[in-house]
Protein backbone atom coordinates (compact mmCIF):
# COMPACT_ATOMS: atom_id res chain seq x y z
CA MET A 1 12.32 6.12 4.08
CA ASP A 2 10.95 9.30 5.95
CA TYR A 3 8.51 10.85 4.31
CA GLU A 4 6.99 14.31 4.98
CA LYS A 5 3.64 14.01 5.86
CA LYS A 6 0.82 16.05 4.18
CA LYS A 7 -2.45 13.82 5.59
CA LEU A 8 -4.83 13.30 2.67
CA GLY A 9 -7.27 13.69 6.12
CA ASN A 10 -8.67 10.66 7.64
CA LYS A 11 -9.50 9.07 4.47
CA PHE A 12 -7.17 7.19 1.43
CA PRO A 13 -7.33 8.50 -1.80
CA SER A 14 -10.14 8.33 -4.42
CA ASN A 15 -9.85 5.07 -6.64
CA GLU A 16 -10.27 7.22 -9.57
CA THR A 17 -7.55 9.52 -8.06
CA MET A 18 -5.33 6.07 -7.76
CA LEU A 19 -6.37 5.61 -11.10
CA ASP A 20 -5.04 8.67 -12.28
CA MET A 21 -1.68 8.99 -10.71
CA PHE A 22 -1.33 4.78 -11.78
CA LYS A 23 -1.33 5.94 -15.51
CA THR A 24 0.18 9.44 -14.90
CA ILE A 25 3.36 7.15 -13.55
CA MET A 26 2.79 4.79 -16.52
CA GLN A 27 3.29 6.63 -18.93
CA TYR A 28 6.18 8.62 -17.67
CA ILE A 29 8.59 5.01 -17.29
CA LYS A 30 6.96 3.20 -20.27
CA GLY A 31 6.92 5.95 -23.45
CA GLU A 32 4.94 5.44 -26.24
CA CYS A 33 4.63 2.84 -28.95
CA LYS A 34 2.74 4.10 -32.14
CA GLU A 35 1.10 1.63 -34.43
CA GLU A 36 0.91 2.24 -38.28
CA THR A 37 -1.54 0.42 -40.54
CA GLY A 38 -0.30 -0.29 -43.81
CA TYR A 39 -0.27 -2.51 -47.10
CA ASP A 40 1.99 -4.99 -48.62
CA SER A 41 3.14 -5.10 -51.81
CA ASN A 42 0.96 -7.82 -52.47
CA GLY A 43 -1.90 -5.82 -51.14
CA ASN A 44 -2.21 -7.06 -47.74
CA ARG A 45 -2.52 -5.42 -44.72
CA CYS A 46 0.09 -4.89 -42.22
CA VAL A 47 0.85 -2.99 -39.09
CA ALA A 48 4.18 -2.03 -37.94
CA ILE A 49 4.84 -0.68 -34.57
CA SER A 50 7.32 1.45 -34.30
CA MET A 51 8.95 1.88 -30.63
CA THR A 52 10.52 4.56 -28.94
CA GLU A 53 14.06 3.55 -27.06
CA ARG A 54 12.06 4.15 -23.20
CA ALA A 55 9.40 1.51 -24.43
CA ARG A 56 12.10 -0.85 -25.45
CA GLN A 57 14.07 -0.10 -22.64
CA TYR A 58 10.88 -0.77 -19.67
CA TYR A 59 9.96 -4.00 -21.74
CA SER A 60 13.39 -5.13 -20.64
CA TRP A 61 12.74 -5.16 -17.50
CA GLY A 62 9.74 -7.61 -17.71
CA ALA A 63 7.48 -5.50 -15.50
CA HIS A 64 4.24 -8.11 -14.81
CA ASN A 65 2.03 -7.85 -11.61
CA PHE A 66 1.22 -4.40 -11.08
CA LYS A 67 -0.57 -3.20 -7.99
CA ALA A 68 -2.02 0.33 -6.98
CA ILE A 69 -0.79 0.65 -3.20
CA VAL A 70 -0.90 3.56 -0.15
CA SER A 71 1.77 4.38 2.11
CA ASN A 72 1.16 3.19 5.72
CA ASP A 73 0.99 6.71 6.94
CA GLY A 74 -1.65 7.29 4.30
CA CYS A 75 0.79 10.30 2.72
CA CYS A 76 2.16 8.59 -0.50
CA TYR A 77 0.10 6.65 -2.69
CA GLY A 78 1.23 5.00 -6.52
CA LEU A 79 2.33 1.86 -8.14
CA GLN A 80 4.12 -1.29 -7.26
CA PHE A 81 5.21 -4.26 -10.13
CA ASN A 82 7.32 -7.05 -10.57
CA VAL A 83 10.80 -6.73 -12.95
CA SER A 84 13.29 -9.50 -13.95
CA GLY A 85 16.10 -7.12 -14.64
CA PHE A 86 19.28 -7.90 -15.15
CA LEU A 87 20.27 -6.04 -12.39
CA HIS A 88 17.20 -6.05 -9.99
CA ARG A 89 14.81 -9.05 -9.50
CA GLY A 90 11.99 -8.54 -7.17
CA ARG A 91 9.71 -5.83 -6.56
CA VAL A 92 9.49 -1.69 -7.25
CA ARG A 93 7.13 0.53 -5.75
CA ILE A 94 6.61 3.64 -6.85
CA TYR A 95 4.95 6.75 -3.87
CA TYR A 96 3.86 9.72 -5.52
CA ASN A 97 4.72 12.01 -2.32
CA ILE A 98 1.92 14.39 -1.90
CA ALA A 99 3.47 17.12 0.17
CA THR A 100 6.55 17.28 -1.94
CA ASP A 101 5.30 16.21 -5.81
CA TYR A 102 8.05 14.07 -6.74
CA PHE A 103 8.26 10.30 -6.39
CA ASP A 104 9.75 8.24 -4.06
CA VAL A 105 11.33 4.83 -5.64
CA GLU A 106 12.11 1.21 -3.67
CA LEU A 107 13.50 -1.62 -4.70
CA LEU A 108 12.95 -4.76 -2.87
CA LYS A 109 13.68 -8.71 -2.78
CA ALA A 110 10.91 -9.98 -3.95
CA ARG A 111 9.70 -12.63 -0.89
CA LYS A 112 11.53 -11.01 1.83
CA GLU A 113 10.58 -7.58 1.62
CA GLU A 114 14.00 -6.06 2.34
CA MET A 115 14.66 -3.48 0.42
CA VAL A 116 17.68 -3.02 -1.76
CA TRP A 117 17.91 0.24 -2.45
CA GLY A 118 15.17 3.60 -2.14
CA CYS A 119 15.89 7.06 -3.66
CA ALA A 120 13.64 9.84 -2.64
CA ASP A 121 12.42 13.33 -4.74
CA LEU A 122 12.60 11.99 -8.38
CA ASP A 123 11.08 14.17 -10.18
CA PHE A 124 8.99 13.04 -13.80
CA MET A 125 11.40 13.46 -15.82
CA GLN A 126 14.43 11.71 -13.79
CA LEU A 127 11.80 8.85 -12.70
CA HIS A 128 12.85 6.25 -15.75
CA ASN A 129 16.18 6.36 -16.16
CA VAL A 130 17.20 6.43 -12.87
CA LEU A 131 14.83 2.85 -12.62
CA HIS A 132 16.64 1.51 -15.64
CA GLN A 133 19.95 2.27 -14.48
CA HIS A 134 19.05 0.26 -10.96
CA ILE A 135 16.89 -3.04 -12.99
CA GLU A 136 18.57 -3.67 -16.32
CA ARG A 137 21.79 -1.16 -17.43
CA LYS A 138 23.82 1.36 -16.68
CA ASP A 139 25.15 1.78 -19.77
CA ASP A 140 22.26 2.59 -21.97
CA PRO A 141 21.20 5.98 -23.27
CA GLU A 142 19.36 8.28 -20.53
CA VAL A 143 16.28 8.88 -22.34
């Protein structure tokens, strides 16, 4: 992909900046799970976890092996993880493009580093839905 270049100077982003972006991207694609603590009829403490539809879709991808990444030219950074979804098995790279304030996504074959699909200029509202449609299922409802 061709990125609009807005250099970070001669340095890469700090670890704190990359960690913040990693957490932000994970919030966008993962959704929230809520933990509720209560007691059953016998007085035993039990924990129930209610999951949003976005979280259910995210867990169906089988995402694992998360890494923070920086593009070769230093203009974008984000995260990479592996998935084993129904439609795509391999790597997912999500770059935050500093110049456009959007996300760029690449789906790659796991061993060959060959790009299967790519998309530029996704905003945070589109990120999860576009990923889900290309990793798991095209007929699930958008969340």
